[in-house]
């Protein structure tokens, strides 16, 4: 592994750790520093990730049921994202982005119109 790649990986890991610590310490439901969802602000509709920060905060505090109820999509997306980060070759097939888009759209319509 090249030196620049190791440095970039280390910085990314450090950034992720800082984000997790901040998310653990400060509740997105009560802290105004977290950004709001632009789609929800403009349309009143929930995007597939709406509630994701609050769900992640609850999950970090061990409140699994409340986190799942806040955003069930997070429970399916996190392991897949983690797998693609650990094994980037798995994300190479051309159908992966289309499948992801289809899943996101299906969840969006189910969440807002079902």
PDB file of N, CA and C in Angstrom:
ATOM      1  N   UNK A   1       0.861  -1.175   0.000  1.00  0.00           N
ATOM      2  CA  UNK A   1       0.000   0.000   0.000  1.00  0.00           C
ATOM      3  C   UNK A   1       0.907   1.237   0.000  1.00  0.00           C
ATOM      4  N   UNK A   2       0.579   2.196  -0.821  1.00  0.00           N
ATOM      5  CA  UNK A   2       1.373   3.415  -0.915  1.00  0.00           C
ATOM      6  C   UNK A   2       1.218   4.265   0.341  1.00  0.00           C
ATOM      7  N   UNK A   3       2.221   5.105   0.570  1.00  0.00           N
ATOM      8  CA  UNK A   3       2.206   5.966   1.756  1.00  0.00           C
ATOM      9  C   UNK A   3       1.011   6.922   1.737  1.00  0.00           C
ATOM     10  N   UNK A   4       0.692   7.497   0.570  1.00  0.00           N
ATOM     11  CA  UNK A   4      -0.440   8.423   0.468  1.00  0.00           C
ATOM     12  C   UNK A   4      -1.758   7.715   0.746  1.00  0.00           C
ATOM     13  N   UNK A   5      -1.874   6.468   0.303  1.00  0.00           N
ATOM     14  CA  UNK A   5      -3.098   5.711   0.534  1.00  0.00           C
ATOM     15  C   UNK A   5      -3.264   5.418   2.018  1.00  0.00           C
ATOM     16  N   UNK A   6      -2.167   5.066   2.679  1.00  0.00           N
ATOM     17  CA  UNK A   6      -2.230   4.812   4.122  1.00  0.00           C
ATOM     18  C   UNK A   6      -2.617   6.077   4.882  1.00  0.00           C
ATOM     19  N   UNK A   7      -2.064   7.199   4.476  1.00  0.00           N
ATOM     20  CA  UNK A   7      -2.382   8.477   5.122  1.00  0.00           C
ATOM     21  C   UNK A   7      -3.857   8.822   4.923  1.00  0.00           C
ATOM     22  N   UNK A   8      -4.342   8.669   3.695  1.00  0.00           N
ATOM     23  CA  UNK A   8      -5.743   8.967   3.403  1.00  0.00           C
ATOM     24  C   UNK A   8      -6.666   8.038   4.181  1.00  0.00           C
ATOM     25  N   UNK A   9      -6.325   6.764   4.268  1.00  0.00           N
ATOM     26  CA  UNK A   9      -7.141   5.807   5.022  1.00  0.00           C
ATOM     27  C   UNK A   9      -7.143   6.164   6.503  1.00  0.00           C
ATOM     28  N   UNK A  10      -5.992   6.534   7.026  1.00  0.00           N
ATOM     29  CA  UNK A  10      -5.902   6.927   8.431  1.00  0.00           C
ATOM     30  C   UNK A  10      -6.715   8.176   8.731  1.00  0.00           C
ATOM     31  N   UNK A  11      -6.637   9.171   7.852  1.00  0.00           N
ATOM     32  CA  UNK A  11      -7.418  10.398   8.042  1.00  0.00           C
ATOM     33  C   UNK A  11      -8.917  10.126   7.950  1.00  0.00           C
ATOM     34  N   UNK A  12      -9.301   9.255   7.033  1.00  0.00           N
ATOM     35  CA  UNK A  12     -10.714   8.894   6.905  1.00  0.00           C
ATOM     36  C   UNK A  12     -11.208   8.178   8.153  1.00  0.00           C
ATOM     37  N   UNK A  13     -10.398   7.262   8.681  1.00  0.00           N
ATOM     38  CA  UNK A  13     -10.771   6.553   9.905  1.00  0.00           C
ATOM     39  C   UNK A  13     -10.866   7.514  11.090  1.00  0.00           C
ATOM     40  N   UNK A  14      -9.931   8.444  11.196  1.00  0.00           N
ATOM     41  CA  UNK A  14      -9.958   9.433  12.274  1.00  0.00           C
ATOM     42  C   UNK A  14     -11.191  10.329  12.165  1.00  0.00           C
ATOM     43  N   UNK A  15     -11.515  10.747  10.954  1.00  0.00           N
ATOM     44  CA  UNK A  15     -12.711  11.572  10.728  1.00  0.00           C
ATOM     45  C   UNK A  15     -13.967  10.811  11.115  1.00  0.00           C
ATOM     46  N   UNK A  16     -14.047   9.544  10.717  1.00  0.00           N
ATOM     47  CA  UNK A  16     -15.215   8.725  11.066  1.00  0.00           C
ATOM     48  C   UNK A  16     -15.343   8.580  12.576  1.00  0.00           C
ATOM     49  N   UNK A  17     -14.228   8.381  13.258  1.00  0.00           N
ATOM     50  CA  UNK A  17     -14.249   8.263  14.720  1.00  0.00           C
ATOM     51  C   UNK A  17     -14.741   9.555  15.366  1.00  0.00           C
ATOM     52  N   UNK A  18     -14.276  10.683  14.882  1.00  0.00           N
ATOM     53  CA  UNK A  18     -14.720  11.975  15.422  1.00  0.00           C
ATOM     54  C   UNK A  18     -16.216  12.170  15.186  1.00  0.00           C
ATOM     55  N   UNK A  19     -16.690  11.818  14.005  1.00  0.00           N
ATOM     56  CA  UNK A  19     -18.122  11.939  13.696  1.00  0.00           C
ATOM     57  C   UNK A  19     -18.936  11.069  14.642  1.00  0.00           C
ATOM     58  N   UNK A  20     -18.492   9.842  14.882  1.00  0.00           N
ATOM     59  CA  UNK A  20     -19.218   8.936  15.784  1.00  0.00           C
ATOM     60  C   UNK A  20     -19.230   9.497  17.204  1.00  0.00           C
ATOM     61  N   UNK A  21     -18.122  10.042  17.663  1.00  0.00           N
ATOM     62  CA  UNK A  21     -18.065  10.620  19.016  1.00  0.00           C
ATOM     63  C   UNK A  21     -19.009  11.821  19.130  1.00  0.00           C
ATOM     64  N   UNK A  22     -18.989  12.699  18.141  1.00  0.00           N
ATOM     65  CA  UNK A  22     -19.888  13.868  18.158  1.00  0.00           C
ATOM     66  C   UNK A  22     -21.341  13.417  18.130  1.00  0.00           C
ATOM     67  N   UNK A  23     -21.640  12.422  17.301  1.00  0.00           N
ATOM     68  CA  UNK A  23     -23.010  11.919  17.209  1.00  0.00           C
ATOM     69  C   UNK A  23     -23.440  11.257  18.508  1.00  0.00           C
ATOM     70  N   UNK A  24     -22.523  10.608  19.192  1.00  0.00           N
ATOM     71  CA  UNK A  24     -22.828   9.999  20.485  1.00  0.00           C
ATOM     72  C   UNK A  24     -23.097  11.067  21.539  1.00  0.00           C
ATOM     73  N   UNK A  25     -22.301  12.126  21.528  1.00  0.00           N
ATOM     74  CA  UNK A  25     -22.386  13.147  22.579  1.00  0.00           C
ATOM     75  C   UNK A  25     -23.558  14.111  22.407  1.00  0.00           C
ATOM     76  N   UNK A  26     -23.899  14.436  21.153  1.00  0.00           N
ATOM     77  CA  UNK A  26     -24.906  15.469  20.912  1.00  0.00           C
ATOM     78  C   UNK A  26     -26.088  14.884  20.147  1.00  0.00           C
ATOM     79  N   UNK A  27     -27.255  14.950  20.731  1.00  0.00           N
ATOM     80  CA  UNK A  27     -28.474  14.400  20.148  1.00  0.00           C
ATOM     81  C   UNK A  27     -28.959  15.279  18.993  1.00  0.00           C
ATOM     82  N   UNK A  28     -29.088  14.714  17.796  1.00  0.00           N
ATOM     83  CA  UNK A  28     -29.570  15.498  16.652  1.00  0.00           C
ATOM     84  C   UNK A  28     -30.997  16.024  16.833  1.00  0.00           C
ATOM     85  N   UNK A  29     -31.772  15.377  17.701  1.00  0.00           N
ATOM     86  CA  UNK A  29     -33.145  15.819  17.930  1.00  0.00           C
ATOM     87  C   UNK A  29     -33.202  17.120  18.728  1.00  0.00           C
ATOM     88  N   UNK A  30     -32.147  17.421  19.476  1.00  0.00           N
ATOM     89  CA  UNK A  30     -32.169  18.615  20.323  1.00  0.00           C
ATOM     90  C   UNK A  30     -31.048  19.605  20.025  1.00  0.00           C
ATOM     91  N   UNK A  31     -30.101  19.235  19.184  1.00  0.00           N
ATOM     92  CA  UNK A  31     -28.972  20.111  18.869  1.00  0.00           C
ATOM     93  C   UNK A  31     -29.192  20.776  17.517  1.00  0.00           C
ATOM     94  N   UNK A  32     -29.306  22.105  17.490  1.00  0.00           N
ATOM     95  CA  UNK A  32     -29.588  22.792  16.222  1.00  0.00           C
ATOM     96  C   UNK A  32     -28.399  22.834  15.256  1.00  0.00           C
ATOM     97  N   UNK A  33     -27.212  22.393  15.677  1.00  0.00           N
ATOM     98  CA  UNK A  33     -26.033  22.447  14.807  1.00  0.00           C
ATOM     99  C   UNK A  33     -26.100  21.450  13.651  1.00  0.00           C
ATOM    100  N   UNK A  34     -26.885  20.394  13.798  1.00  0.00           N
ATOM    101  CA  UNK A  34     -27.001  19.409  12.726  1.00  0.00           C
ATOM    102  C   UNK A  34     -27.846  19.975  11.584  1.00  0.00           C
ATOM    103  N   UNK A  35     -27.471  19.666  10.351  1.00  0.00           N
ATOM    104  CA  UNK A  35     -28.251  20.195   9.215  1.00  0.00           C
ATOM    105  C   UNK A  35     -29.599  19.496   9.093  1.00  0.00           C
ATOM    106  N   UNK A  36     -30.570  20.234   8.596  1.00  0.00           N
ATOM    107  CA  UNK A  36     -31.875  19.660   8.333  1.00  0.00           C
ATOM    108  C   UNK A  36     -31.920  19.063   6.933  1.00  0.00           C
ATOM    109  N   UNK A  37     -32.949  18.313   6.663  1.00  0.00           N
ATOM    110  CA  UNK A  37     -33.103  17.698   5.347  1.00  0.00           C
ATOM    111  C   UNK A  37     -33.694  18.729   4.381  1.00  0.00           C
ATOM    112  N   UNK A  38     -32.993  19.050   3.282  1.00  0.00           N
ATOM    113  CA  UNK A  38     -33.517  20.037   2.340  1.00  0.00           C
ATOM    114  C   UNK A  38     -34.814  19.581   1.677  1.00  0.00           C
ATOM    115  N   UNK A  39     -34.924  18.290   1.359  1.00  0.00           N
ATOM    116  CA  UNK A  39     -36.147  17.788   0.729  1.00  0.00           C
ATOM    117  C   UNK A  39     -37.337  17.946   1.671  1.00  0.00           C
ATOM    118  N   UNK A  40     -37.144  17.604   2.942  1.00  0.00           N
ATOM    119  CA  UNK A  40     -38.229  17.724   3.909  1.00  0.00           C
ATOM    120  C   UNK A  40     -38.595  19.191   4.145  1.00  0.00           C
ATOM    121  N   UNK A  41     -37.598  20.055   4.166  1.00  0.00           N
ATOM    122  CA  UNK A  41     -37.848  21.479   4.357  1.00  0.00           C
ATOM    123  C   UNK A  41     -38.657  22.057   3.198  1.00  0.00           C
ATOM    124  N   UNK A  42     -38.323  21.665   1.976  1.00  0.00           N
ATOM    125  CA  UNK A  42     -38.995  22.211   0.798  1.00  0.00           C
ATOM    126  C   UNK A  42     -40.356  21.579   0.517  1.00  0.00           C
ATOM    127  N   UNK A  43     -40.484  20.259   0.743  1.00  0.00           N
ATOM    128  CA  UNK A  43     -41.702  19.560   0.319  1.00  0.00           C
ATOM    129  C   UNK A  43     -42.525  18.962   1.452  1.00  0.00           C
ATOM    130  N   UNK A  44     -41.911  18.764   2.612  1.00  0.00           N
ATOM    131  CA  UNK A  44     -42.598  18.087   3.709  1.00  0.00           C
ATOM    132  C   UNK A  44     -42.526  16.568   3.599  1.00  0.00           C
ATOM    133  N   UNK A  45     -41.897  16.061   2.531  1.00  0.00           N
ATOM    134  CA  UNK A  45     -41.743  14.616   2.348  1.00  0.00           C
ATOM    135  C   UNK A  45     -40.456  14.151   3.021  1.00  0.00           C
ATOM    136  N   UNK A  46     -40.455  12.910   3.491  1.00  0.00           N
ATOM    137  CA  UNK A  46     -39.262  12.338   4.108  1.00  0.00           C
ATOM    138  C   UNK A  46     -38.425  11.631   3.055  1.00  0.00           C
ATOM    139  N   UNK A  47     -37.135  11.967   2.994  1.00  0.00           N
ATOM    140  CA  UNK A  47     -36.238  11.250   2.092  1.00  0.00           C
ATOM    141  C   UNK A  47     -35.856   9.931   2.760  1.00  0.00           C
ATOM    142  N   UNK A  48     -35.223   9.013   2.037  1.00  0.00           N
ATOM    143  CA  UNK A  48     -34.852   7.733   2.656  1.00  0.00           C
ATOM    144  C   UNK A  48     -33.924   7.870   3.859  1.00  0.00           C
ATOM    145  N   UNK A  49     -33.185   8.963   3.942  1.00  0.00           N
ATOM    146  CA  UNK A  49     -32.271   9.117   5.072  1.00  0.00           C
ATOM    147  C   UNK A  49     -32.814  10.013   6.180  1.00  0.00           C
ATOM    148  N   UNK A  50     -34.013  10.552   6.019  1.00  0.00           N
ATOM    149  CA  UNK A  50     -34.594  11.379   7.083  1.00  0.00           C
ATOM    150  C   UNK A  50     -34.687  10.554   8.370  1.00  0.00           C
ATOM    151  N   UNK A  51     -34.199  11.120   9.430  1.00  0.00           N
ATOM    152  CA  UNK A  51     -34.184  10.421  10.713  1.00  0.00           C
ATOM    153  C   UNK A  51     -32.952   9.559  10.895  1.00  0.00           C
ATOM    154  N   UNK A  52     -32.074   9.520   9.918  1.00  0.00           N
ATOM    155  CA  UNK A  52     -30.889   8.680   9.992  1.00  0.00           C
ATOM    156  C   UNK A  52     -29.927   9.098  11.096  1.00  0.00           C
ATOM    157  N   UNK A  53     -29.703  10.406  11.244  1.00  0.00           N
ATOM    158  CA  UNK A  53     -28.816  10.875  12.308  1.00  0.00           C
ATOM    159  C   UNK A  53     -29.412  10.581  13.683  1.00  0.00           C
ATOM    160  N   UNK A  54     -30.707  10.824  13.822  1.00  0.00           N
ATOM    161  CA  UNK A  54     -31.354  10.537  15.109  1.00  0.00           C
ATOM    162  C   UNK A  54     -31.334   9.048  15.394  1.00  0.00           C
ATOM    163  N   UNK A  55     -31.553   8.227  14.364  1.00  0.00           N
ATOM    164  CA  UNK A  55     -31.513   6.771  14.538  1.00  0.00           C
ATOM    165  C   UNK A  55     -30.106   6.311  14.900  1.00  0.00           C
ATOM    166  N   UNK A  56     -29.089   6.881  14.261  1.00  0.00           N
ATOM    167  CA  UNK A  56     -27.709   6.515  14.575  1.00  0.00           C
ATOM    168  C   UNK A  56     -27.367   6.899  16.017  1.00  0.00           C
ATOM    169  N   UNK A  57     -27.836   8.062  16.457  1.00  0.00           N
ATOM    170  CA  UNK A  57     -27.614   8.491  17.841  1.00  0.00           C
ATOM    171  C   UNK A  57     -28.264   7.499  18.811  1.00  0.00           C
ATOM    172  N   UNK A  58     -29.496   7.120  18.534  1.00  0.00           N
ATOM    173  CA  UNK A  58     -30.184   6.151  19.385  1.00  0.00           C
ATOM    174  C   UNK A  58     -29.468   4.808  19.373  1.00  0.00           C
ATOM    175  N   UNK A  59     -29.005   4.393  18.217  1.00  0.00           N
ATOM    176  CA  UNK A  59     -28.291   3.126  18.089  1.00  0.00           C
ATOM    177  C   UNK A  59     -26.992   3.145  18.896  1.00  0.00           C
ATOM    178  N   UNK A  60     -26.281   4.247  18.856  1.00  0.00           N
ATOM    179  CA  UNK A  60     -25.050   4.372  19.637  1.00  0.00           C
ATOM    180  C   UNK A  60     -25.309   4.319  21.136  1.00  0.00           C
ATOM    181  N   UNK A  61     -26.530   4.648  21.548  1.00  0.00           N
ATOM    182  CA  UNK A  61     -26.901   4.597  22.959  1.00  0.00           C
ATOM    183  C   UNK A  61     -27.607   3.303  23.322  1.00  0.00           C
ATOM    184  N   UNK A  62     -27.625   2.350  22.387  1.00  0.00           N
ATOM    185  CA  UNK A  62     -28.193   1.033  22.669  1.00  0.00           C
ATOM    186  C   UNK A  62     -29.701   0.954  22.556  1.00  0.00           C
ATOM    187  N   UNK A  63     -30.345   1.979  22.054  1.00  0.00           N
ATOM    188  CA  UNK A  63     -31.798   1.981  21.914  1.00  0.00           C
ATOM    189  C   UNK A  63     -32.162   1.468  20.517  1.00  0.00           C
ATOM    190  N   UNK A  64     -32.036   0.161  20.356  1.00  0.00           N
ATOM    191  CA  UNK A  64     -32.161  -0.466  19.041  1.00  0.00           C
ATOM    192  C   UNK A  64     -33.577  -0.350  18.482  1.00  0.00           C
ATOM    193  N   UNK A  65     -34.575  -0.634  19.287  1.00  0.00           N
ATOM    194  CA  UNK A  65     -35.965  -0.577  18.794  1.00  0.00           C
ATOM    195  C   UNK A  65     -36.340   0.844  18.377  1.00  0.00           C
ATOM    196  N   UNK A  66     -36.011   1.815  19.200  1.00  0.00           N
ATOM    197  CA  UNK A  66     -36.326   3.213  18.871  1.00  0.00           C
ATOM    198  C   UNK A  66     -35.581   3.653  17.615  1.00  0.00           C
ATOM    199  N   UNK A  67     -34.335   3.211  17.464  1.00  0.00           N
ATOM    200  CA  UNK A  67     -33.560   3.560  16.271  1.00  0.00           C
ATOM    201  C   UNK A  67     -34.192   2.937  15.028  1.00  0.00           C
ATOM    202  N   UNK A  68     -34.623   1.686  15.134  1.00  0.00           N
ATOM    203  CA  UNK A  68     -35.254   1.019  13.990  1.00  0.00           C
ATOM    204  C   UNK A  68     -36.548   1.715  13.594  1.00  0.00           C
ATOM    205  N   UNK A  69     -37.325   2.119  14.579  1.00  0.00           N
ATOM    206  CA  UNK A  69     -38.579   2.812  14.288  1.00  0.00           C
ATOM    207  C   UNK A  69     -38.329   4.196  13.682  1.00  0.00           C
ATOM    208  N   UNK A  70     -37.218   4.830  14.039  1.00  0.00           N
ATOM    209  CA  UNK A  70     -36.885   6.152  13.512  1.00  0.00           C
ATOM    210  C   UNK A  70     -36.529   6.069  12.023  1.00  0.00           C
ATOM    211  N   UNK A  71     -35.721   5.061  11.654  1.00  0.00           N
ATOM    212  CA  UNK A  71     -35.327   4.885  10.259  1.00  0.00           C
ATOM    213  C   UNK A  71     -34.882   3.443  10.019  1.00  0.00           C
ATOM    214  N   UNK A  72     -35.801   2.563   9.606  1.00  0.00           N
ATOM    215  CA  UNK A  72     -35.442   1.163   9.375  1.00  0.00           C
ATOM    216  C   UNK A  72     -34.447   0.982   8.234  1.00  0.00           C
ATOM    217  N   UNK A  73     -34.417   1.914   7.299  1.00  0.00           N
ATOM    218  CA  UNK A  73     -33.499   1.818   6.164  1.00  0.00           C
ATOM    219  C   UNK A  73     -32.045   1.789   6.629  1.00  0.00           C
ATOM    220  N   UNK A  74     -31.750   2.493   7.718  1.00  0.00           N
ATOM    221  CA  UNK A  74     -30.397   2.560   8.257  1.00  0.00           C
ATOM    222  C   UNK A  74     -29.870   1.173   8.612  1.00  0.00           C
ATOM    223  N   UNK A  75     -30.743   0.304   9.117  1.00  0.00           N
ATOM    224  CA  UNK A  75     -30.320  -1.025   9.541  1.00  0.00           C
ATOM    225  C   UNK A  75     -29.908  -1.912   8.367  1.00  0.00           C
ATOM    226  N   UNK A  76     -30.436  -1.615   7.193  1.00  0.00           N
ATOM    227  CA  UNK A  76     -30.060  -2.372   6.005  1.00  0.00           C
ATOM    228  C   UNK A  76     -28.905  -1.702   5.261  1.00  0.00           C
ATOM    229  N   UNK A  77     -28.849  -0.387   5.307  1.00  0.00           N
ATOM    230  CA  UNK A  77     -27.827   0.355   4.560  1.00  0.00           C
ATOM    231  C   UNK A  77     -26.449   0.274   5.223  1.00  0.00           C
ATOM    232  N   UNK A  78     -26.375   0.373   6.546  1.00  0.00           N
ATOM    233  CA  UNK A  78     -25.076   0.381   7.220  1.00  0.00           C
ATOM    234  C   UNK A  78     -24.242  -0.871   6.945  1.00  0.00           C
ATOM    235  N   UNK A  79     -24.802  -2.080   7.060  1.00  0.00           N
ATOM    236  CA  UNK A  79     -23.975  -3.255   6.761  1.00  0.00           C
ATOM    237  C   UNK A  79     -23.527  -3.306   5.298  1.00  0.00           C
ATOM    238  N   UNK A  80     -24.384  -2.886   4.389  1.00  0.00           N
ATOM    239  CA  UNK A  80     -24.019  -2.898   2.968  1.00  0.00           C
ATOM    240  C   UNK A  80     -22.906  -1.889   2.700  1.00  0.00           C
ATOM    241  N   UNK A  81     -23.033  -0.697   3.259  1.00  0.00           N
ATOM    242  CA  UNK A  81     -21.996   0.322   3.085  1.00  0.00           C
ATOM    243  C   UNK A  81     -20.681  -0.163   3.697  1.00  0.00           C
ATOM    244  N   UNK A  82     -20.763  -0.759   4.879  1.00  0.00           N
ATOM    245  CA  UNK A  82     -19.564  -1.298   5.513  1.00  0.00           C
ATOM    246  C   UNK A  82     -18.911  -2.385   4.670  1.00  0.00           C
ATOM    247  N   UNK A  83     -19.711  -3.249   4.088  1.00  0.00           N
ATOM    248  CA  UNK A  83     -19.191  -4.308   3.226  1.00  0.00           C
ATOM    249  C   UNK A  83     -18.511  -3.726   1.998  1.00  0.00           C
ATOM    250  N   UNK A  84     -19.123  -2.719   1.381  1.00  0.00           N
ATOM    251  CA  UNK A  84     -18.516  -2.091   0.202  1.00  0.00           C
ATOM    252  C   UNK A  84     -17.234  -1.344   0.556  1.00  0.00           C
ATOM    253  N   UNK A  85     -17.151  -0.806   1.775  1.00  0.00           N
ATOM    254  CA  UNK A  85     -15.915  -0.137   2.194  1.00  0.00           C
ATOM    255  C   UNK A  85     -14.795  -1.155   2.419  1.00  0.00           C
ATOM    256  N   UNK A  86     -15.144  -2.302   2.990  1.00  0.00           N
ATOM    257  CA  UNK A  86     -14.138  -3.326   3.245  1.00  0.00           C
ATOM    258  C   UNK A  86     -13.745  -4.089   1.982  1.00  0.00           C
ATOM    259  N   UNK A  87     -14.702  -4.269   1.091  1.00  0.00           N
ATOM    260  CA  UNK A  87     -14.469  -5.004  -0.161  1.00  0.00           C
ATOM    261  C   UNK A  87     -14.969  -4.189  -1.344  1.00  0.00           C
ATOM    262  N   UNK A  88     -14.233  -3.165  -1.759  1.00  0.00           N
ATOM    263  CA  UNK A  88     -14.687  -2.285  -2.843  1.00  0.00           C
ATOM    264  C   UNK A  88     -14.981  -3.025  -4.153  1.00  0.00           C
ATOM    265  N   UNK A  89     -14.346  -4.160  -4.373  1.00  0.00           N
ATOM    266  CA  UNK A  89     -14.576  -4.905  -5.614  1.00  0.00           C
ATOM    267  C   UNK A  89     -16.028  -5.393  -5.718  1.00  0.00           C
ATOM    268  N   UNK A  90     -16.695  -5.565  -4.585  1.00  0.00           N
ATOM    269  CA  UNK A  90     -18.091  -6.009  -4.612  1.00  0.00           C
ATOM    270  C   UNK A  90     -19.019  -4.951  -5.213  1.00  0.00           C
ATOM    271  N   UNK A  91     -18.618  -3.687  -5.158  1.00  0.00           N
ATOM    272  CA  UNK A  91     -19.454  -2.602  -5.667  1.00  0.00           C
ATOM    273  C   UNK A  91     -19.179  -2.302  -7.136  1.00  0.00           C
ATOM    274  N   UNK A  92     -18.299  -3.040  -7.765  1.00  0.00           N
ATOM    275  CA  UNK A  92     -17.909  -2.751  -9.148  1.00  0.00           C
ATOM    276  C   UNK A  92     -18.946  -3.106 -10.213  1.00  0.00           C
ATOM    277  N   UNK A  93     -19.759  -4.156 -10.048  1.00  0.00           N
ATOM    278  CA  UNK A  93     -20.711  -4.478 -11.124  1.00  0.00           C
ATOM    279  C   UNK A  93     -21.612  -3.291 -11.460  1.00  0.00           C
ATOM    280  N   UNK A  94     -21.910  -3.153 -12.750  1.00  0.00           N
ATOM    281  CA  UNK A  94     -22.684  -1.992 -13.222  1.00  0.00           C
ATOM    282  C   UNK A  94     -24.096  -1.946 -12.680  1.00  0.00           C
ATOM    283  N   UNK A  95     -24.646  -3.077 -12.267  1.00  0.00           N
ATOM    284  CA  UNK A  95     -26.027  -3.097 -11.800  1.00  0.00           C
ATOM    285  C   UNK A  95     -26.165  -2.594 -10.354  1.00  0.00           C
ATOM    286  N   UNK A  96     -25.062  -2.532  -9.613  1.00  0.00           N
ATOM    287  CA  UNK A  96     -25.131  -2.128  -8.197  1.00  0.00           C
ATOM    288  C   UNK A  96     -25.722  -0.728  -8.019  1.00  0.00           C
ATOM    289  N   UNK A  97     -25.256   0.310  -8.734  1.00  0.00           N
ATOM    290  CA  UNK A  97     -25.862   1.634  -8.545  1.00  0.00           C
ATOM    291  C   UNK A  97     -27.335   1.666  -8.925  1.00  0.00           C
ATOM    292  N   UNK A  98     -27.707   0.915  -9.959  1.00  0.00           N
ATOM    293  CA  UNK A  98     -29.123   0.899 -10.368  1.00  0.00           C
ATOM    294  C   UNK A  98     -29.981   0.197  -9.326  1.00  0.00           C
ATOM    295  N   UNK A  99     -29.464  -0.874  -8.754  1.00  0.00           N
ATOM    296  CA  UNK A  99     -30.199  -1.570  -7.695  1.00  0.00           C
ATOM    297  C   UNK A  99     -30.349  -0.660  -6.469  1.00  0.00           C
ATOM    298  N   UNK A 100     -29.275   0.050  -6.129  1.00  0.00           N
ATOM    299  CA  UNK A 100     -29.330   0.973  -4.990  1.00  0.00           C
ATOM    300  C   UNK A 100     -30.350   2.082  -5.237  1.00  0.00           C
ATOM    301  N   UNK A 101     -30.350   2.627  -6.443  1.00  0.00           N
ATOM    302  CA  UNK A 101     -31.325   3.677  -6.773  1.00  0.00           C
ATOM    303  C   UNK A 101     -32.748   3.137  -6.697  1.00  0.00           C
ATOM    304  N   UNK A 102     -32.970   1.934  -7.208  1.00  0.00           N
ATOM    305  CA  UNK A 102     -34.298   1.325  -7.142  1.00  0.00           C
ATOM    306  C   UNK A 102     -34.762   1.110  -5.711  1.00  0.00           C
ATOM    307  N   UNK A 103     -33.864   0.652  -4.861  1.00  0.00           N
ATOM    308  CA  UNK A 103     -34.204   0.436  -3.451  1.00  0.00           C
ATOM    309  C   UNK A 103     -34.513   1.756  -2.767  1.00  0.00           C
ATOM    310  N   UNK A 104     -33.705   2.773  -3.030  1.00  0.00           N
ATOM    311  CA  UNK A 104     -33.948   4.096  -2.439  1.00  0.00           C
ATOM    312  C   UNK A 104     -35.299   4.662  -2.868  1.00  0.00           C
ATOM    313  N   UNK A 105     -35.608   4.546  -4.158  1.00  0.00           N
ATOM    314  CA  UNK A 105     -36.899   5.057  -4.649  1.00  0.00           C
ATOM    315  C   UNK A 105     -38.072   4.278  -4.069  1.00  0.00           C
ATOM    316  N   UNK A 106     -37.943   2.955  -4.001  1.00  0.00           N
ATOM    317  CA  UNK A 106     -39.016   2.138  -3.429  1.00  0.00           C
ATOM    318  C   UNK A 106     -39.257   2.518  -1.973  1.00  0.00           C
ATOM    319  N   UNK A 107     -38.189   2.688  -1.211  1.00  0.00           N
ATOM    320  CA  UNK A 107     -38.331   3.073   0.190  1.00  0.00           C
ATOM    321  C   UNK A 107     -38.930   4.469   0.317  1.00  0.00           C
ATOM    322  N   UNK A 108     -38.521   5.387  -0.550  1.00  0.00           N
ATOM    323  CA  UNK A 108     -39.067   6.743  -0.541  1.00  0.00           C
ATOM    324  C   UNK A 108     -40.583   6.712  -0.744  1.00  0.00           C
ATOM    325  N   UNK A 109     -41.036   5.974  -1.763  1.00  0.00           N
ATOM    326  CA  UNK A 109     -42.472   5.921  -2.035  1.00  0.00           C
ATOM    327  C   UNK A 109     -43.221   5.184  -0.929  1.00  0.00           C
ATOM    328  N   UNK A 110     -42.653   4.098  -0.412  1.00  0.00           N
ATOM    329  CA  UNK A 110     -43.302   3.376   0.670  1.00  0.00           C
ATOM    330  C   UNK A 110     -43.425   4.254   1.913  1.00  0.00           C
ATOM    331  N   UNK A 111     -42.369   4.996   2.217  1.00  0.00           N
ATOM    332  CA  UNK A 111     -42.338   5.819   3.421  1.00  0.00           C
ATOM    333  C   UNK A 111     -43.316   6.994   3.349  1.00  0.00           C
ATOM    334  N   UNK A 112     -43.489   7.563   2.172  1.00  0.00           N
ATOM    335  CA  UNK A 112     -44.309   8.766   2.063  1.00  0.00           C
ATOM    336  C   UNK A 112     -45.737   8.528   1.594  1.00  0.00           C
ATOM    337  N   UNK A 113     -45.963   7.448   0.861  1.00  0.00           N
ATOM    338  CA  UNK A 113     -47.273   7.278   0.243  1.00  0.00           C
ATOM    339  C   UNK A 113     -47.994   5.995   0.604  1.00  0.00           C
ATOM    340  N   UNK A 114     -47.400   5.132   1.403  1.00  0.00           N
ATOM    341  CA  UNK A 114     -48.067   3.864   1.762  1.00  0.00           C
ATOM    342  C   UNK A 114     -48.963   4.052   2.966  1.00  0.00           C
TER     343      UNK A 114
END
